[in-house]
Amino acid sequence: MQRIINSLTRIKQIELLQLFTVYVRYLLGCAFIVAAFAMGKVNQFIDLGPDTMTALDNPIGLAFSSFIHSTVYWGFIGWSQIIGGALLVTQRFARAGVLIYLVIILNIFIITQTYGFEGTNVIAGLMLLAAIYLAVWEGDVLQYLFFRPQEGKLPGPCPAVERLGLWSITGMVMVLTLLGLGLTPYRANPLLGCSLALLTGMVAFVVYLARYRRSSVRPAVA
């Protein structure tokens, strides 16, 4: 086990992977927040109409009709998505976020497989794989959920690029922007929410390249 952790620690020093991990958190977290508002999970304002998603003559329609009319459950899922996504996006609390995220996305993936969702099951499967990747990335710390920590073998500091405050600030801007959008008439427009998050992420990347990429930031040695 220690060999695996040592290998993970070395891998986490790679700058490109650190950046990849930061933006995977942004992608998954923002997707959850946008979906919670767009699907009316935290504010029952959407009339999905008599289409495939709500028609009662097929398993998918029956499932969604049950979920939507179960106000407490539908709202619980929505707020859980927002909390898990927000924790993930803030970077600082990503470990807690990925644990919440894994439980929710696994549940969604199983539902899409059970009811025969076409296309959605693929997207949910990819999101599940991404969440597993993020959990593995935190493996040097999350291992202590199952094993007692040993003196002298505790995980080292967060990798240099990943621990930059820029990413946390960017995450907070994303969360506040998406929550603010959720209070407007445009809350049901997932494309707008994703576009705003993407723009924020691009600005952060440009700032990183201009200000930090050429600085003396060096990977931390565990």
C-alpha atoms as a PDB file:
ATOM      1  CA  MET A   1       0.000   0.000   0.000  1.00  0.00           C
ATOM      2  CA  GLN A   2       2.809   2.387   0.886  1.00  0.00           C
ATOM      3  CA  ARG A   3       4.377   1.869  -2.544  1.00  0.00           C
ATOM      4  CA  ILE A   4       1.131   2.921  -4.181  1.00  0.00           C
ATOM      5  CA  ILE A   5       0.929   6.034  -2.013  1.00  0.00           C
ATOM      6  CA  ASN A   6       4.557   6.908  -2.751  1.00  0.00           C
ATOM      7  CA  SER A   7       3.899   6.544  -6.478  1.00  0.00           C
ATOM      8  CA  LEU A   8       0.786   8.709  -6.163  1.00  0.00           C
ATOM      9  CA  THR A   9       2.784  11.367  -4.319  1.00  0.00           C
ATOM     10  CA  ARG A  10       5.344  11.490  -7.136  1.00  0.00           C
ATOM     11  CA  ILE A  11       2.625  11.644  -9.788  1.00  0.00           C
ATOM     12  CA  LYS A  12       0.933  14.533  -7.973  1.00  0.00           C
ATOM     13  CA  GLN A  13       4.034  16.676  -8.463  1.00  0.00           C
ATOM     14  CA  ILE A  14       3.433  16.820 -12.229  1.00  0.00           C
ATOM     15  CA  GLU A  15       2.258  20.325 -13.055  1.00  0.00           C
ATOM     16  CA  LEU A  16       0.002  19.308 -15.951  1.00  0.00           C
ATOM     17  CA  LEU A  17      -1.817  16.748 -13.803  1.00  0.00           C
ATOM     18  CA  GLN A  18      -2.305  19.273 -11.033  1.00  0.00           C
ATOM     19  CA  LEU A  19      -3.923  21.678 -13.491  1.00  0.00           C
ATOM     20  CA  PHE A  20      -5.993  18.850 -14.976  1.00  0.00           C
ATOM     21  CA  THR A  21      -7.249  17.892 -11.517  1.00  0.00           C
ATOM     22  CA  VAL A  22      -8.175  21.469 -10.621  1.00  0.00           C
ATOM     23  CA  TYR A  23     -10.234  21.850 -13.801  1.00  0.00           C
ATOM     24  CA  VAL A  24     -11.882  18.445 -13.465  1.00  0.00           C
ATOM     25  CA  ARG A  25     -13.151  19.662 -10.098  1.00  0.00           C
ATOM     26  CA  TYR A  26     -14.456  22.814 -11.732  1.00  0.00           C
ATOM     27  CA  LEU A  27     -16.150  20.822 -14.485  1.00  0.00           C
ATOM     28  CA  LEU A  28     -17.869  18.302 -12.243  1.00  0.00           C
ATOM     29  CA  GLY A  29     -18.798  20.760  -9.512  1.00  0.00           C
ATOM     30  CA  CYS A  30     -20.280  23.375 -11.832  1.00  0.00           C
ATOM     31  CA  ALA A  31     -22.153  20.704 -13.789  1.00  0.00           C
ATOM     32  CA  PHE A  32     -23.859  19.560 -10.596  1.00  0.00           C
ATOM     33  CA  ILE A  33     -24.820  23.089  -9.538  1.00  0.00           C
ATOM     34  CA  VAL A  34     -26.152  23.982 -12.994  1.00  0.00           C
ATOM     35  CA  ALA A  35     -28.128  20.722 -13.206  1.00  0.00           C
ATOM     36  CA  ALA A  36     -29.709  21.272  -9.794  1.00  0.00           C
ATOM     37  CA  PHE A  37     -31.185  24.595 -10.911  1.00  0.00           C
ATOM     38  CA  ALA A  38     -31.899  23.651 -14.539  1.00  0.00           C
ATOM     39  CA  MET A  39     -33.898  20.576 -13.529  1.00  0.00           C
ATOM     40  CA  GLY A  40     -35.888  22.456 -10.896  1.00  0.00           C
ATOM     41  CA  LYS A  41     -34.590  20.401  -7.991  1.00  0.00           C
ATOM     42  CA  VAL A  42     -34.247  23.335  -5.606  1.00  0.00           C
ATOM     43  CA  ASN A  43     -37.129  25.434  -6.937  1.00  0.00           C
ATOM     44  CA  GLN A  44     -40.158  23.762  -8.450  1.00  0.00           C
ATOM     45  CA  PHE A  45     -40.601  26.075 -11.431  1.00  0.00           C
ATOM     46  CA  ILE A  46     -40.141  23.811 -14.440  1.00  0.00           C
ATOM     47  CA  ASP A  47     -43.027  22.277 -16.340  1.00  0.00           C
ATOM     48  CA  LEU A  48     -41.335  19.521 -18.291  1.00  0.00           C
ATOM     49  CA  GLY A  49     -44.538  18.806 -20.202  1.00  0.00           C
ATOM     50  CA  PRO A  50     -45.872  15.517 -21.574  1.00  0.00           C
ATOM     51  CA  ASP A  51     -42.642  14.469 -23.253  1.00  0.00           C
ATOM     52  CA  THR A  52     -40.500  11.355 -22.817  1.00  0.00           C
ATOM     53  CA  MET A  53     -39.277  12.492 -19.405  1.00  0.00           C
ATOM     54  CA  THR A  54     -42.728  12.768 -17.823  1.00  0.00           C
ATOM     55  CA  ALA A  55     -44.965  10.499 -19.905  1.00  0.00           C
ATOM     56  CA  LEU A  56     -46.340   7.712 -17.740  1.00  0.00           C
ATOM     57  CA  ASP A  57     -46.310   5.060 -20.450  1.00  0.00           C
ATOM     58  CA  ASN A  58     -42.593   4.295 -20.106  1.00  0.00           C
ATOM     59  CA  PRO A  59     -40.175   3.520 -17.225  1.00  0.00           C
ATOM     60  CA  ILE A  60     -38.229   6.778 -17.606  1.00  0.00           C
ATOM     61  CA  GLY A  61     -41.404   8.863 -17.446  1.00  0.00           C
ATOM     62  CA  LEU A  62     -42.638   6.989 -14.394  1.00  0.00           C
ATOM     63  CA  ALA A  63     -39.302   7.463 -12.645  1.00  0.00           C
ATOM     64  CA  PHE A  64     -39.119  11.207 -13.320  1.00  0.00           C
ATOM     65  CA  SER A  65     -42.758  11.754 -12.469  1.00  0.00           C
ATOM     66  CA  SER A  66     -42.153  10.065  -9.127  1.00  0.00           C
ATOM     67  CA  PHE A  67     -38.992  12.087  -8.442  1.00  0.00           C
ATOM     68  CA  ILE A  68     -40.486  15.444  -9.430  1.00  0.00           C
ATOM     69  CA  HIS A  69     -43.636  14.966  -7.350  1.00  0.00           C
ATOM     70  CA  SER A  70     -41.610  13.831  -4.351  1.00  0.00           C
ATOM     71  CA  THR A  71     -40.774  17.405  -3.373  1.00  0.00           C
ATOM     72  CA  VAL A  72     -38.649  16.574  -0.330  1.00  0.00           C
ATOM     73  CA  TYR A  73     -36.554  13.936  -2.115  1.00  0.00           C
ATOM     74  CA  TRP A  74     -36.161  16.034  -5.283  1.00  0.00           C
ATOM     75  CA  GLY A  75     -35.097  19.029  -3.223  1.00  0.00           C
ATOM     76  CA  PHE A  76     -32.753  16.926  -1.096  1.00  0.00           C
ATOM     77  CA  ILE A  77     -30.978  15.652  -4.201  1.00  0.00           C
ATOM     78  CA  GLY A  78     -30.760  19.191  -5.583  1.00  0.00           C
ATOM     79  CA  TRP A  79     -29.254  20.736  -2.467  1.00  0.00           C
ATOM     80  CA  SER A  80     -26.913  17.773  -2.054  1.00  0.00           C
ATOM     81  CA  GLN A  81     -25.675  18.388  -5.596  1.00  0.00           C
ATOM     82  CA  ILE A  82     -25.148  22.077  -4.878  1.00  0.00           C
ATOM     83  CA  ILE A  83     -23.291  21.417  -1.626  1.00  0.00           C
ATOM     84  CA  GLY A  84     -21.143  18.639  -3.087  1.00  0.00           C
ATOM     85  CA  GLY A  85     -20.430  20.623  -6.247  1.00  0.00           C
ATOM     86  CA  ALA A  86     -19.601  23.798  -4.324  1.00  0.00           C
ATOM     87  CA  LEU A  87     -17.194  21.986  -2.010  1.00  0.00           C
ATOM     88  CA  LEU A  88     -15.502  20.426  -5.014  1.00  0.00           C
ATOM     89  CA  VAL A  89     -15.195  23.702  -6.912  1.00  0.00           C
ATOM     90  CA  THR A  90     -13.695  25.602  -3.958  1.00  0.00           C
ATOM     91  CA  GLN A  91     -10.652  23.278  -4.149  1.00  0.00           C
ATOM     92  CA  ARG A  92      -9.862  23.790  -0.464  1.00  0.00           C
ATOM     93  CA  PHE A  93     -12.690  21.464   0.586  1.00  0.00           C
ATOM     94  CA  ALA A  94     -12.439  19.180  -2.443  1.00  0.00           C
ATOM     95  CA  ARG A  95     -11.881  16.045  -0.356  1.00  0.00           C
ATOM     96  CA  ALA A  96     -15.243  16.424   1.348  1.00  0.00           C
ATOM     97  CA  GLY A  97     -16.805  17.377  -1.956  1.00  0.00           C
ATOM     98  CA  VAL A  98     -15.583  14.315  -3.810  1.00  0.00           C
ATOM     99  CA  LEU A  99     -16.978  11.979  -1.138  1.00  0.00           C
ATOM    100  CA  ILE A 100     -20.425  13.575  -1.431  1.00  0.00           C
ATOM    101  CA  TYR A 101     -20.121  13.680  -5.208  1.00  0.00           C
ATOM    102  CA  LEU A 102     -19.243   9.998  -5.499  1.00  0.00           C
ATOM    103  CA  VAL A 103     -22.333   8.887  -3.596  1.00  0.00           C
ATOM    104  CA  ILE A 104     -24.661  11.080  -5.671  1.00  0.00           C
ATOM    105  CA  ILE A 105     -23.194  10.330  -9.097  1.00  0.00           C
ATOM    106  CA  LEU A 106     -23.105   6.597  -8.360  1.00  0.00           C
ATOM    107  CA  ASN A 107     -26.808   6.794  -7.493  1.00  0.00           C
ATOM    108  CA  ILE A 108     -27.526   8.708 -10.722  1.00  0.00           C
ATOM    109  CA  PHE A 109     -25.499   6.262 -12.788  1.00  0.00           C
ATOM    110  CA  ILE A 110     -27.373   3.278 -11.359  1.00  0.00           C
ATOM    111  CA  ILE A 111     -30.718   4.986 -12.031  1.00  0.00           C
ATOM    112  CA  THR A 112     -29.781   5.714 -15.658  1.00  0.00           C
ATOM    113  CA  GLN A 113     -28.738   2.095 -16.143  1.00  0.00           C
ATOM    114  CA  THR A 114     -31.830   0.715 -14.423  1.00  0.00           C
ATOM    115  CA  TYR A 115     -34.361   2.769 -16.394  1.00  0.00           C
ATOM    116  CA  GLY A 116     -32.577   2.591 -19.733  1.00  0.00           C
ATOM    117  CA  PHE A 117     -31.658   6.242 -20.239  1.00  0.00           C
ATOM    118  CA  GLU A 118     -30.027   6.607 -23.653  1.00  0.00           C
ATOM    119  CA  GLY A 119     -27.053   8.954 -23.702  1.00  0.00           C
ATOM    120  CA  THR A 120     -27.501  10.093 -20.109  1.00  0.00           C
ATOM    121  CA  ASN A 121     -26.089   6.811 -18.852  1.00  0.00           C
ATOM    122  CA  VAL A 122     -22.906   7.450 -20.837  1.00  0.00           C
ATOM    123  CA  ILE A 123     -22.547  10.975 -19.447  1.00  0.00           C
ATOM    124  CA  ALA A 124     -23.217   9.756 -15.908  1.00  0.00           C
ATOM    125  CA  GLY A 125     -20.684   6.969 -16.410  1.00  0.00           C
ATOM    126  CA  LEU A 126     -18.004   9.425 -17.512  1.00  0.00           C
ATOM    127  CA  MET A 127     -18.766  11.676 -14.562  1.00  0.00           C
ATOM    128  CA  LEU A 128     -18.493   8.684 -12.248  1.00  0.00           C
ATOM    129  CA  LEU A 129     -15.092   7.794 -13.690  1.00  0.00           C
ATOM    130  CA  ALA A 130     -13.964  11.408 -13.240  1.00  0.00           C
ATOM    131  CA  ALA A 131     -15.135  11.377  -9.618  1.00  0.00           C
ATOM    132  CA  ILE A 132     -13.239   8.137  -9.008  1.00  0.00           C
ATOM    133  CA  TYR A 133     -10.144   9.789 -10.478  1.00  0.00           C
ATOM    134  CA  LEU A 134     -10.518  12.685  -8.040  1.00  0.00           C
ATOM    135  CA  ALA A 135     -10.935  10.266  -5.136  1.00  0.00           C
ATOM    136  CA  VAL A 136      -7.783   8.404  -6.162  1.00  0.00           C
ATOM    137  CA  TRP A 137      -5.956  11.749  -6.418  1.00  0.00           C
ATOM    138  CA  GLU A 138      -6.782  12.297  -2.741  1.00  0.00           C
ATOM    139  CA  GLY A 139      -5.837   8.736  -1.894  1.00  0.00           C
ATOM    140  CA  ASP A 140      -2.848   9.698   0.247  1.00  0.00           C
ATOM    141  CA  VAL A 141      -5.267  11.399   2.667  1.00  0.00           C
ATOM    142  CA  LEU A 142      -8.486   9.434   2.141  1.00  0.00           C
ATOM    143  CA  GLN A 143      -6.634   6.205   2.975  1.00  0.00           C
ATOM    144  CA  TYR A 144      -6.944   7.204   6.635  1.00  0.00           C
ATOM    145  CA  LEU A 145     -10.658   6.577   6.440  1.00  0.00           C
ATOM    146  CA  PHE A 146      -9.665   2.904   6.460  1.00  0.00           C
ATOM    147  CA  PHE A 147      -6.169   2.765   7.973  1.00  0.00           C
ATOM    148  CA  ARG A 148      -4.608   4.249  11.077  1.00  0.00           C
ATOM    149  CA  PRO A 149      -1.987   6.893  10.298  1.00  0.00           C
ATOM    150  CA  GLN A 150       1.583   5.845  11.067  1.00  0.00           C
ATOM    151  CA  GLU A 151       4.127   8.228  12.499  1.00  0.00           C
ATOM    152  CA  GLY A 152       6.555   9.448   9.865  1.00  0.00           C
ATOM    153  CA  LYS A 153       4.304   8.348   7.002  1.00  0.00           C
ATOM    154  CA  LEU A 154       1.769  11.147   6.929  1.00  0.00           C
ATOM    155  CA  PRO A 155       1.042  12.768   3.528  1.00  0.00           C
ATOM    156  CA  GLY A 156       3.159  15.716   2.479  1.00  0.00           C
ATOM    157  CA  PRO A 157       1.874  19.232   1.726  1.00  0.00           C
ATOM    158  CA  CYS A 158      -0.488  19.916  -1.151  1.00  0.00           C
ATOM    159  CA  PRO A 159       1.380  20.150  -4.499  1.00  0.00           C
ATOM    160  CA  ALA A 160       2.613  23.652  -5.309  1.00  0.00           C
ATOM    161  CA  VAL A 161       0.399  24.456  -8.291  1.00  0.00           C
ATOM    162  CA  GLU A 162      -2.711  22.947  -6.764  1.00  0.00           C
ATOM    163  CA  ARG A 163      -2.400  24.917  -3.527  1.00  0.00           C
ATOM    164  CA  LEU A 164      -2.353  28.339  -5.180  1.00  0.00           C
ATOM    165  CA  GLY A 165      -5.069  30.581  -3.754  1.00  0.00           C
ATOM    166  CA  LEU A 166      -6.025  31.527  -7.309  1.00  0.00           C
ATOM    167  CA  TRP A 167      -7.973  28.292  -7.732  1.00  0.00           C
ATOM    168  CA  SER A 168      -9.999  28.729  -4.531  1.00  0.00           C
ATOM    169  CA  ILE A 169     -10.851  32.311  -5.424  1.00  0.00           C
ATOM    170  CA  THR A 170     -11.886  31.225  -8.913  1.00  0.00           C
ATOM    171  CA  GLY A 171     -14.020  28.459  -7.437  1.00  0.00           C
ATOM    172  CA  MET A 172     -15.799  30.872  -5.118  1.00  0.00           C
ATOM    173  CA  VAL A 173     -16.500  33.207  -8.043  1.00  0.00           C
ATOM    174  CA  MET A 174     -17.961  30.285  -9.990  1.00  0.00           C
ATOM    175  CA  VAL A 175     -20.179  29.215  -7.096  1.00  0.00           C
ATOM    176  CA  LEU A 176     -21.452  32.741  -6.397  1.00  0.00           C
ATOM    177  CA  THR A 177     -22.083  33.325 -10.114  1.00  0.00           C
ATOM    178  CA  LEU A 178     -24.063  30.112 -10.530  1.00  0.00           C
ATOM    179  CA  LEU A 179     -26.018  30.647  -7.308  1.00  0.00           C
ATOM    180  CA  GLY A 180     -26.800  34.190  -8.415  1.00  0.00           C
ATOM    181  CA  LEU A 181     -27.898  32.907 -11.818  1.00  0.00           C
ATOM    182  CA  GLY A 182     -30.144  30.418 -10.043  1.00  0.00           C
ATOM    183  CA  LEU A 183     -32.122  33.318  -8.595  1.00  0.00           C
ATOM    184  CA  THR A 184     -32.805  34.849 -12.006  1.00  0.00           C
ATOM    185  CA  PRO A 185     -35.298  33.904 -14.753  1.00  0.00           C
ATOM    186  CA  TYR A 186     -32.343  32.379 -16.658  1.00  0.00           C
ATOM    187  CA  ARG A 187     -31.809  29.638 -14.049  1.00  0.00           C
ATOM    188  CA  ALA A 188     -33.205  26.997 -16.409  1.00  0.00           C
ATOM    189  CA  ASN A 189     -30.619  27.786 -19.089  1.00  0.00           C
ATOM    190  CA  PRO A 190     -27.774  25.294 -18.516  1.00  0.00           C
ATOM    191  CA  LEU A 191     -25.826  26.606 -21.510  1.00  0.00           C
ATOM    192  CA  LEU A 192     -25.604  30.075 -19.952  1.00  0.00           C
ATOM    193  CA  GLY A 193     -24.464  28.700 -16.603  1.00  0.00           C
ATOM    194  CA  CYS A 194     -21.826  26.472 -18.174  1.00  0.00           C
ATOM    195  CA  SER A 195     -20.630  29.340 -20.387  1.00  0.00           C
ATOM    196  CA  LEU A 196     -20.140  31.659 -17.399  1.00  0.00           C
ATOM    197  CA  ALA A 197     -18.244  28.968 -15.516  1.00  0.00           C
ATOM    198  CA  LEU A 198     -16.096  28.240 -18.572  1.00  0.00           C
ATOM    199  CA  LEU A 199     -15.285  31.934 -19.014  1.00  0.00           C
ATOM    200  CA  THR A 200     -14.275  32.228 -15.356  1.00  0.00           C
ATOM    201  CA  GLY A 201     -12.048  29.176 -15.655  1.00  0.00           C
ATOM    202  CA  MET A 202     -10.382  30.533 -18.781  1.00  0.00           C
ATOM    203  CA  VAL A 203      -9.641  33.848 -17.068  1.00  0.00           C
ATOM    204  CA  ALA A 204      -8.079  31.993 -14.133  1.00  0.00           C
ATOM    205  CA  PHE A 205      -5.893  29.964 -16.481  1.00  0.00           C
ATOM    206  CA  VAL A 206      -4.668  33.110 -18.225  1.00  0.00           C
ATOM    207  CA  VAL A 207      -3.866  34.659 -14.839  1.00  0.00           C
ATOM    208  CA  TYR A 208      -1.965  31.519 -13.876  1.00  0.00           C
ATOM    209  CA  LEU A 209       0.101  31.594 -17.068  1.00  0.00           C
ATOM    210  CA  ALA A 210       0.825  35.306 -16.742  1.00  0.00           C
ATOM    211  CA  ARG A 211       1.535  35.532 -13.044  1.00  0.00           C
ATOM    212  CA  TYR A 212       2.450  32.120 -11.654  1.00  0.00           C
ATOM    213  CA  ARG A 213       3.716  29.929 -14.470  1.00  0.00           C
ATOM    214  CA  ARG A 214       6.994  31.840 -14.747  1.00  0.00           C
ATOM    215  CA  SER A 215       7.421  32.416 -11.024  1.00  0.00           C
ATOM    216  CA  SER A 216       9.506  30.404  -8.647  1.00  0.00           C
ATOM    217  CA  VAL A 217       6.654  28.072  -7.685  1.00  0.00           C
ATOM    218  CA  ARG A 218       8.151  24.624  -7.268  1.00  0.00           C
ATOM    219  CA  PRO A 219       6.520  21.275  -6.504  1.00  0.00           C
ATOM    220  CA  ALA A 220       6.494  20.442  -2.830  1.00  0.00           C
ATOM    221  CA  VAL A 221       8.607  17.470  -1.833  1.00  0.00           C
ATOM    222  CA  ALA A 222       6.818  14.988   0.372  1.00  0.00           C
END
